[in-house]
């Protein structure tokens, strides 16, 4: 890892490639490109360099997590529905850990019961949900503080 501690991997999971087609009341109506543009702007405000990754393949998502510290000093993970049931992704998060914040656009704590479960519990610095895109700004701020940027 380089001396700089400002690289943040922003991982998006299943169905984020069609984010703009999902219920705008729950997910904000932005495309993934628009979401990443906003995240990039906020990252710059905090002196962070975002590295974006999205996959609909659970295997690819796990593989990225296995090597996350090679390219990033911290991470924001929104694995979508996988957050609630993919023990494989939870285990992968522990393989090569960096300070990580779990983010959800919708308020998963006040939706279906199965969404209240997170396989990342105990592996992340914080869980931010129900704040829409602003949850990413909060996650970036937390990581900037944690990384001493």
N, C-alpha and C. Protein backbone atom coordinates (compact mmCIF):
# COMPACT_ATOMS: atom_id res chain seq x y z
N UNK A 1 0.85 -1.17 0.00
CA UNK A 1 0.00 0.00 0.00
C UNK A 1 0.89 1.24 0.00
N UNK A 2 0.50 2.25 -0.72
CA UNK A 2 1.27 3.49 -0.79
C UNK A 2 1.13 4.27 0.51
N UNK A 3 1.98 5.30 0.65
CA UNK A 3 1.94 6.13 1.85
C UNK A 3 0.63 6.91 1.94
N UNK A 4 0.05 7.26 0.80
CA UNK A 4 -1.22 7.98 0.80
C UNK A 4 -2.32 7.05 1.30
N UNK A 5 -3.21 7.59 2.09
CA UNK A 5 -4.33 6.80 2.58
C UNK A 5 -5.63 7.48 2.18
N UNK A 6 -5.80 7.65 0.89
CA UNK A 6 -6.98 8.39 0.45
C UNK A 6 -7.80 7.67 -0.61
N UNK A 7 -7.47 6.42 -0.90
CA UNK A 7 -8.20 5.69 -1.94
C UNK A 7 -9.35 4.92 -1.31
N UNK A 8 -10.54 5.13 -1.85
CA UNK A 8 -11.73 4.47 -1.32
C UNK A 8 -12.42 3.70 -2.44
N UNK A 9 -12.51 2.39 -2.27
CA UNK A 9 -13.26 1.56 -3.22
C UNK A 9 -14.74 1.73 -2.91
N UNK A 10 -15.52 1.98 -3.93
CA UNK A 10 -16.98 2.10 -3.80
C UNK A 10 -17.57 0.95 -4.60
N UNK A 11 -18.06 -0.04 -3.88
CA UNK A 11 -18.55 -1.27 -4.51
C UNK A 11 -20.07 -1.29 -4.53
N UNK A 12 -20.61 -1.50 -5.71
CA UNK A 12 -22.06 -1.64 -5.89
C UNK A 12 -22.36 -3.03 -6.43
N UNK A 13 -23.36 -3.65 -5.85
CA UNK A 13 -23.69 -5.01 -6.22
C UNK A 13 -24.81 -5.13 -7.21
N UNK A 14 -25.52 -6.20 -7.06
CA UNK A 14 -26.54 -6.64 -7.99
C UNK A 14 -27.61 -5.57 -8.24
N UNK A 15 -27.94 -5.39 -9.50
CA UNK A 15 -28.98 -4.49 -10.01
C UNK A 15 -28.63 -3.00 -9.99
N UNK A 16 -27.41 -2.67 -9.61
CA UNK A 16 -27.03 -1.26 -9.66
C UNK A 16 -26.78 -0.78 -11.09
N UNK A 17 -26.54 -1.69 -12.00
CA UNK A 17 -26.37 -1.29 -13.40
C UNK A 17 -27.68 -0.82 -14.01
N UNK A 18 -28.80 -1.09 -13.36
CA UNK A 18 -30.12 -0.63 -13.83
C UNK A 18 -30.80 0.21 -12.75
N UNK A 19 -30.01 0.90 -11.96
CA UNK A 19 -30.51 1.68 -10.83
C UNK A 19 -31.61 2.64 -11.23
N UNK A 20 -31.46 3.29 -12.38
CA UNK A 20 -32.45 4.28 -12.81
C UNK A 20 -33.81 3.67 -13.15
N UNK A 21 -33.87 2.35 -13.33
CA UNK A 21 -35.12 1.66 -13.63
C UNK A 21 -35.84 1.17 -12.37
N UNK A 22 -35.19 1.29 -11.24
CA UNK A 22 -35.78 0.82 -9.99
C UNK A 22 -36.64 1.90 -9.36
N UNK A 23 -37.47 1.54 -8.42
CA UNK A 23 -38.43 2.43 -7.79
C UNK A 23 -37.74 3.71 -7.30
N UNK A 24 -38.03 4.86 -7.92
CA UNK A 24 -37.35 6.10 -7.53
C UNK A 24 -37.66 6.54 -6.11
N UNK A 25 -38.81 6.14 -5.57
CA UNK A 25 -39.13 6.50 -4.19
C UNK A 25 -38.21 5.80 -3.20
N UNK A 26 -37.71 4.63 -3.59
CA UNK A 26 -36.79 3.89 -2.72
C UNK A 26 -35.33 4.15 -3.05
N UNK A 27 -35.03 4.29 -4.34
CA UNK A 27 -33.64 4.31 -4.78
C UNK A 27 -33.18 5.63 -5.40
N UNK A 28 -34.03 6.61 -5.46
CA UNK A 28 -33.62 7.96 -5.85
C UNK A 28 -33.73 8.34 -7.31
N UNK A 29 -33.90 7.39 -8.20
CA UNK A 29 -34.10 7.71 -9.61
C UNK A 29 -32.85 8.03 -10.40
N UNK A 30 -31.67 7.96 -9.79
CA UNK A 30 -30.43 8.25 -10.50
C UNK A 30 -29.92 6.99 -11.20
N UNK A 31 -29.14 7.19 -12.26
CA UNK A 31 -28.42 6.07 -12.86
C UNK A 31 -27.16 5.83 -12.04
N UNK A 32 -26.53 4.70 -12.25
CA UNK A 32 -25.27 4.41 -11.56
C UNK A 32 -24.22 5.46 -11.92
N UNK A 33 -24.16 5.87 -13.18
CA UNK A 33 -23.19 6.89 -13.59
C UNK A 33 -23.44 8.21 -12.85
N UNK A 34 -24.70 8.59 -12.71
CA UNK A 34 -25.02 9.83 -11.98
C UNK A 34 -24.66 9.70 -10.51
N UNK A 35 -24.93 8.54 -9.92
CA UNK A 35 -24.58 8.31 -8.53
C UNK A 35 -23.07 8.40 -8.34
N UNK A 36 -22.32 7.76 -9.23
CA UNK A 36 -20.87 7.79 -9.12
C UNK A 36 -20.32 9.20 -9.32
N UNK A 37 -20.94 9.98 -10.18
CA UNK A 37 -20.51 11.36 -10.38
C UNK A 37 -20.64 12.15 -9.08
N UNK A 38 -21.78 11.98 -8.40
CA UNK A 38 -21.98 12.68 -7.12
C UNK A 38 -20.98 12.21 -6.07
N UNK A 39 -20.79 10.90 -5.99
CA UNK A 39 -19.84 10.36 -5.03
C UNK A 39 -18.44 10.91 -5.31
N UNK A 40 -18.07 10.97 -6.58
CA UNK A 40 -16.77 11.51 -6.96
C UNK A 40 -16.58 12.94 -6.50
N UNK A 41 -17.61 13.76 -6.64
CA UNK A 41 -17.54 15.15 -6.19
C UNK A 41 -17.36 15.26 -4.69
N UNK A 42 -18.13 14.48 -3.95
CA UNK A 42 -18.01 14.49 -2.49
C UNK A 42 -16.66 13.96 -2.05
N UNK A 43 -16.19 12.91 -2.71
CA UNK A 43 -14.88 12.35 -2.36
C UNK A 43 -13.80 13.42 -2.47
N UNK A 44 -13.85 14.19 -3.54
CA UNK A 44 -12.88 15.27 -3.73
C UNK A 44 -12.91 16.28 -2.60
N UNK A 45 -14.11 16.58 -2.09
CA UNK A 45 -14.24 17.53 -0.97
C UNK A 45 -13.50 17.03 0.27
N UNK A 46 -13.44 15.71 0.43
CA UNK A 46 -12.79 15.12 1.61
C UNK A 46 -11.37 14.66 1.34
N UNK A 47 -10.83 14.97 0.16
CA UNK A 47 -9.48 14.57 -0.18
C UNK A 47 -9.34 13.08 -0.45
N UNK A 48 -10.42 12.46 -0.88
CA UNK A 48 -10.43 11.03 -1.17
C UNK A 48 -10.48 10.77 -2.66
N UNK A 49 -9.91 9.66 -3.07
CA UNK A 49 -9.92 9.24 -4.47
C UNK A 49 -10.81 8.00 -4.60
N UNK A 50 -11.98 8.14 -5.23
CA UNK A 50 -12.87 6.97 -5.35
C UNK A 50 -12.44 6.04 -6.47
N UNK A 51 -12.62 4.76 -6.22
CA UNK A 51 -12.40 3.71 -7.21
C UNK A 51 -13.71 2.93 -7.28
N UNK A 52 -14.37 2.96 -8.43
CA UNK A 52 -15.70 2.37 -8.54
C UNK A 52 -15.67 0.95 -9.09
N UNK A 53 -16.56 0.13 -8.55
CA UNK A 53 -16.72 -1.25 -9.01
C UNK A 53 -18.18 -1.63 -8.88
N UNK A 54 -18.72 -2.27 -9.91
CA UNK A 54 -20.09 -2.80 -9.87
C UNK A 54 -20.10 -4.14 -10.56
N UNK A 55 -20.84 -5.08 -9.98
CA UNK A 55 -20.99 -6.38 -10.61
C UNK A 55 -22.32 -7.01 -10.23
N UNK A 56 -22.88 -7.76 -11.17
CA UNK A 56 -24.05 -8.59 -10.90
C UNK A 56 -23.63 -10.02 -10.61
N UNK A 57 -22.32 -10.26 -10.59
CA UNK A 57 -21.78 -11.59 -10.32
C UNK A 57 -21.27 -11.65 -8.88
N UNK A 58 -21.86 -12.52 -8.10
CA UNK A 58 -21.44 -12.68 -6.71
C UNK A 58 -19.97 -13.11 -6.64
N UNK A 59 -19.55 -13.97 -7.57
CA UNK A 59 -18.16 -14.43 -7.60
C UNK A 59 -17.20 -13.28 -7.88
N UNK A 60 -17.53 -12.43 -8.83
CA UNK A 60 -16.67 -11.28 -9.13
C UNK A 60 -16.61 -10.31 -7.94
N UNK A 61 -17.75 -10.12 -7.28
CA UNK A 61 -17.80 -9.23 -6.12
C UNK A 61 -16.89 -9.77 -5.01
N UNK A 62 -16.98 -11.07 -4.76
CA UNK A 62 -16.11 -11.69 -3.75
C UNK A 62 -14.64 -11.56 -4.15
N UNK A 63 -14.35 -11.82 -5.42
CA UNK A 63 -12.97 -11.72 -5.89
C UNK A 63 -12.40 -10.33 -5.69
N UNK A 64 -13.20 -9.31 -5.94
CA UNK A 64 -12.74 -7.93 -5.73
C UNK A 64 -12.43 -7.71 -4.25
N UNK A 65 -13.31 -8.17 -3.38
CA UNK A 65 -13.09 -8.01 -1.94
C UNK A 65 -11.85 -8.75 -1.46
N UNK A 66 -11.53 -9.88 -2.10
CA UNK A 66 -10.34 -10.63 -1.70
C UNK A 66 -9.06 -9.83 -1.88
N UNK A 67 -9.08 -8.84 -2.77
CA UNK A 67 -7.89 -8.06 -3.10
C UNK A 67 -8.06 -6.56 -2.85
N UNK A 68 -9.06 -6.16 -2.10
CA UNK A 68 -9.39 -4.74 -1.99
C UNK A 68 -8.24 -3.89 -1.46
N UNK A 69 -7.44 -4.39 -0.55
CA UNK A 69 -6.36 -3.57 0.02
C UNK A 69 -5.24 -3.30 -0.98
N UNK A 70 -5.20 -4.03 -2.09
CA UNK A 70 -4.19 -3.78 -3.12
C UNK A 70 -4.43 -2.45 -3.84
N UNK A 71 -5.66 -1.99 -3.86
CA UNK A 71 -5.99 -0.76 -4.59
C UNK A 71 -6.65 0.30 -3.73
N UNK A 72 -7.09 -0.05 -2.52
CA UNK A 72 -7.85 0.92 -1.73
C UNK A 72 -7.44 0.87 -0.26
N UNK A 73 -7.65 2.00 0.40
CA UNK A 73 -7.34 2.14 1.82
C UNK A 73 -8.59 2.03 2.68
N UNK A 74 -9.75 2.16 2.05
CA UNK A 74 -11.04 2.05 2.70
C UNK A 74 -12.07 1.66 1.66
N UNK A 75 -13.27 1.35 2.12
CA UNK A 75 -14.30 0.93 1.18
C UNK A 75 -15.68 1.35 1.64
N UNK A 76 -16.53 1.57 0.66
CA UNK A 76 -17.96 1.72 0.86
C UNK A 76 -18.60 0.58 0.09
N UNK A 77 -19.45 -0.18 0.77
CA UNK A 77 -20.08 -1.34 0.15
C UNK A 77 -21.59 -1.19 0.18
N UNK A 78 -22.19 -1.20 -1.00
CA UNK A 78 -23.64 -1.34 -1.13
C UNK A 78 -23.85 -2.54 -2.05
N UNK A 79 -23.98 -3.68 -1.44
CA UNK A 79 -24.09 -4.93 -2.20
C UNK A 79 -25.52 -5.23 -2.62
N UNK A 80 -26.43 -4.28 -2.38
CA UNK A 80 -27.82 -4.52 -2.74
C UNK A 80 -28.38 -5.67 -1.93
N UNK A 81 -29.21 -6.49 -2.55
CA UNK A 81 -29.86 -7.60 -1.86
C UNK A 81 -28.85 -8.58 -1.26
N UNK A 82 -27.66 -8.69 -1.85
CA UNK A 82 -26.65 -9.60 -1.30
C UNK A 82 -26.30 -9.26 0.15
N UNK A 83 -26.45 -7.99 0.51
CA UNK A 83 -26.12 -7.55 1.87
C UNK A 83 -26.89 -8.34 2.92
N UNK A 84 -28.04 -8.87 2.53
CA UNK A 84 -28.94 -9.49 3.49
C UNK A 84 -28.85 -11.00 3.55
N UNK A 85 -28.17 -11.62 2.59
CA UNK A 85 -28.14 -13.08 2.61
C UNK A 85 -26.85 -13.72 2.10
N UNK A 86 -25.95 -12.98 1.47
CA UNK A 86 -24.77 -13.62 0.90
C UNK A 86 -23.66 -13.75 1.93
N UNK A 87 -23.64 -14.88 2.60
CA UNK A 87 -22.57 -15.16 3.57
C UNK A 87 -21.22 -15.20 2.85
N UNK A 88 -21.22 -15.58 1.59
CA UNK A 88 -19.97 -15.61 0.82
C UNK A 88 -19.38 -14.21 0.73
N UNK A 89 -20.20 -13.20 0.48
CA UNK A 89 -19.70 -11.82 0.40
C UNK A 89 -19.28 -11.35 1.79
N UNK A 90 -20.04 -11.68 2.81
CA UNK A 90 -19.64 -11.34 4.17
C UNK A 90 -18.29 -11.93 4.52
N UNK A 91 -18.10 -13.21 4.18
CA UNK A 91 -16.80 -13.85 4.44
C UNK A 91 -15.70 -13.19 3.63
N UNK A 92 -15.98 -12.84 2.37
CA UNK A 92 -14.98 -12.21 1.51
C UNK A 92 -14.55 -10.85 2.06
N UNK A 93 -15.46 -10.15 2.67
CA UNK A 93 -15.14 -8.84 3.26
C UNK A 93 -14.08 -8.99 4.35
N UNK A 94 -14.06 -10.12 5.00
CA UNK A 94 -13.10 -10.35 6.09
C UNK A 94 -11.74 -10.85 5.61
N UNK A 95 -11.62 -11.25 4.34
CA UNK A 95 -10.37 -11.82 3.83
C UNK A 95 -9.25 -10.80 3.78
N UNK A 96 -9.51 -9.62 3.26
CA UNK A 96 -8.50 -8.59 3.05
C UNK A 96 -9.07 -7.26 3.54
N UNK A 97 -9.29 -7.13 4.84
CA UNK A 97 -10.08 -6.01 5.34
C UNK A 97 -9.40 -4.64 5.24
N UNK A 98 -10.21 -3.66 4.93
CA UNK A 98 -9.88 -2.24 5.03
C UNK A 98 -11.06 -1.60 5.77
N UNK A 99 -10.88 -0.43 6.35
CA UNK A 99 -12.02 0.23 6.99
C UNK A 99 -13.17 0.36 5.98
N UNK A 100 -14.34 -0.13 6.36
CA UNK A 100 -15.46 -0.22 5.43
C UNK A 100 -16.73 0.32 6.06
N UNK A 101 -17.53 1.01 5.23
CA UNK A 101 -18.85 1.49 5.63
C UNK A 101 -19.87 0.85 4.70
N UNK A 102 -20.91 0.29 5.28
CA UNK A 102 -22.03 -0.28 4.53
C UNK A 102 -23.05 0.82 4.29
N UNK A 103 -23.51 0.94 3.05
CA UNK A 103 -24.49 1.98 2.70
C UNK A 103 -25.66 1.33 1.97
N UNK A 104 -26.85 1.84 2.26
CA UNK A 104 -28.07 1.47 1.53
C UNK A 104 -28.82 2.75 1.20
N UNK A 105 -29.28 2.88 -0.02
CA UNK A 105 -30.05 4.05 -0.42
C UNK A 105 -31.39 4.10 0.32
N UNK A 106 -32.05 2.97 0.43
CA UNK A 106 -33.36 2.92 1.09
C UNK A 106 -33.18 2.64 2.58
N UNK A 107 -34.26 2.81 3.32
CA UNK A 107 -34.25 2.56 4.76
C UNK A 107 -34.54 1.09 5.00
N UNK A 108 -33.52 0.26 4.89
CA UNK A 108 -33.70 -1.18 5.01
C UNK A 108 -34.20 -1.60 6.39
N UNK A 109 -34.00 -0.76 7.39
CA UNK A 109 -34.47 -1.08 8.75
C UNK A 109 -35.98 -0.99 8.86
N UNK A 110 -36.62 -0.31 7.92
CA UNK A 110 -38.07 -0.15 7.96
C UNK A 110 -38.75 -0.70 6.72
N UNK A 111 -38.15 -1.74 6.15
CA UNK A 111 -38.74 -2.43 5.00
C UNK A 111 -39.04 -3.88 5.41
N UNK A 112 -39.00 -4.79 4.48
CA UNK A 112 -39.29 -6.18 4.78
C UNK A 112 -38.32 -6.72 5.83
N UNK A 113 -38.78 -7.69 6.62
CA UNK A 113 -37.96 -8.23 7.69
C UNK A 113 -36.62 -8.76 7.21
N UNK A 114 -36.60 -9.41 6.04
CA UNK A 114 -35.35 -10.01 5.56
C UNK A 114 -34.30 -8.94 5.25
N UNK A 115 -34.72 -7.71 4.97
CA UNK A 115 -33.76 -6.64 4.69
C UNK A 115 -33.10 -6.09 5.95
N UNK A 116 -33.63 -6.41 7.11
CA UNK A 116 -33.07 -5.92 8.37
C UNK A 116 -31.80 -6.68 8.75
N UNK A 117 -31.58 -7.83 8.14
CA UNK A 117 -30.39 -8.65 8.39
C UNK A 117 -29.26 -8.15 7.50
N UNK A 118 -28.06 -8.03 8.06
CA UNK A 118 -26.88 -7.67 7.28
C UNK A 118 -25.78 -8.69 7.55
N UNK A 119 -25.26 -9.28 6.48
CA UNK A 119 -24.15 -10.23 6.62
C UNK A 119 -22.84 -9.50 6.93
N UNK A 120 -22.86 -8.18 6.91
CA UNK A 120 -21.67 -7.39 7.19
C UNK A 120 -21.58 -6.93 8.64
N UNK A 121 -22.58 -7.26 9.44
CA UNK A 121 -22.58 -6.85 10.84
C UNK A 121 -21.31 -7.35 11.53
N UNK A 122 -20.65 -6.45 12.23
CA UNK A 122 -19.41 -6.78 12.92
C UNK A 122 -18.17 -6.66 12.04
N UNK A 123 -18.36 -6.44 10.75
CA UNK A 123 -17.24 -6.32 9.82
C UNK A 123 -17.05 -4.90 9.30
N UNK A 124 -18.01 -4.02 9.58
CA UNK A 124 -17.97 -2.67 9.04
C UNK A 124 -17.89 -1.64 10.17
N UNK A 125 -17.35 -0.48 9.82
CA UNK A 125 -17.24 0.62 10.79
C UNK A 125 -18.61 1.19 11.13
N UNK A 126 -19.49 1.22 10.13
CA UNK A 126 -20.82 1.80 10.31
C UNK A 126 -21.74 1.30 9.21
N UNK A 127 -23.03 1.40 9.47
CA UNK A 127 -24.06 1.08 8.49
C UNK A 127 -24.94 2.32 8.35
N UNK A 128 -25.04 2.81 7.13
CA UNK A 128 -25.84 4.01 6.86
C UNK A 128 -26.96 3.62 5.91
N UNK A 129 -28.19 3.87 6.31
CA UNK A 129 -29.31 3.52 5.44
C UNK A 129 -30.41 4.56 5.55
N UNK A 130 -31.20 4.64 4.47
CA UNK A 130 -32.36 5.53 4.47
C UNK A 130 -32.06 6.99 4.23
N UNK A 131 -30.85 7.31 3.83
CA UNK A 131 -30.48 8.71 3.59
C UNK A 131 -30.30 8.99 2.10
N UNK A 132 -30.70 8.03 1.25
CA UNK A 132 -30.54 8.21 -0.19
C UNK A 132 -29.08 8.40 -0.54
N UNK A 133 -28.86 9.21 -1.58
CA UNK A 133 -27.48 9.42 -2.03
C UNK A 133 -26.63 10.13 -0.97
N UNK A 134 -27.25 10.89 -0.09
CA UNK A 134 -26.50 11.58 0.96
C UNK A 134 -25.81 10.62 1.92
N UNK A 135 -26.28 9.37 1.96
CA UNK A 135 -25.63 8.37 2.79
C UNK A 135 -24.19 8.12 2.35
N UNK A 136 -23.93 8.26 1.05
CA UNK A 136 -22.56 8.09 0.56
C UNK A 136 -21.67 9.23 1.03
N UNK A 137 -22.21 10.44 1.07
CA UNK A 137 -21.44 11.58 1.56
C UNK A 137 -21.04 11.35 3.02
N UNK A 138 -21.99 10.88 3.81
CA UNK A 138 -21.72 10.59 5.21
C UNK A 138 -20.66 9.49 5.34
N UNK A 139 -20.76 8.47 4.51
CA UNK A 139 -19.78 7.37 4.54
C UNK A 139 -18.39 7.88 4.18
N UNK A 140 -18.30 8.74 3.18
CA UNK A 140 -17.01 9.31 2.79
C UNK A 140 -16.41 10.14 3.92
N UNK A 141 -17.25 10.91 4.59
CA UNK A 141 -16.78 11.73 5.70
C UNK A 141 -16.25 10.84 6.84
N UNK A 142 -16.97 9.77 7.14
CA UNK A 142 -16.50 8.84 8.17
C UNK A 142 -15.16 8.22 7.80
N UNK A 143 -15.03 7.79 6.54
CA UNK A 143 -13.78 7.17 6.11
C UNK A 143 -12.63 8.17 6.09
N UNK A 144 -12.91 9.40 5.67
CA UNK A 144 -11.85 10.42 5.67
C UNK A 144 -11.30 10.60 7.09
N UNK A 145 -12.19 10.64 8.06
CA UNK A 145 -11.75 10.76 9.45
C UNK A 145 -10.97 9.53 9.90
N UNK A 146 -11.47 8.38 9.55
CA UNK A 146 -10.83 7.12 9.95
C UNK A 146 -9.44 6.99 9.32
N UNK A 147 -9.31 7.46 8.07
CA UNK A 147 -8.04 7.34 7.34
C UNK A 147 -7.10 8.51 7.63
N UNK A 148 -7.57 9.50 8.36
CA UNK A 148 -6.73 10.64 8.70
C UNK A 148 -6.42 11.55 7.54
N UNK A 149 -7.36 11.64 6.61
CA UNK A 149 -7.17 12.49 5.43
C UNK A 149 -7.54 13.91 5.76
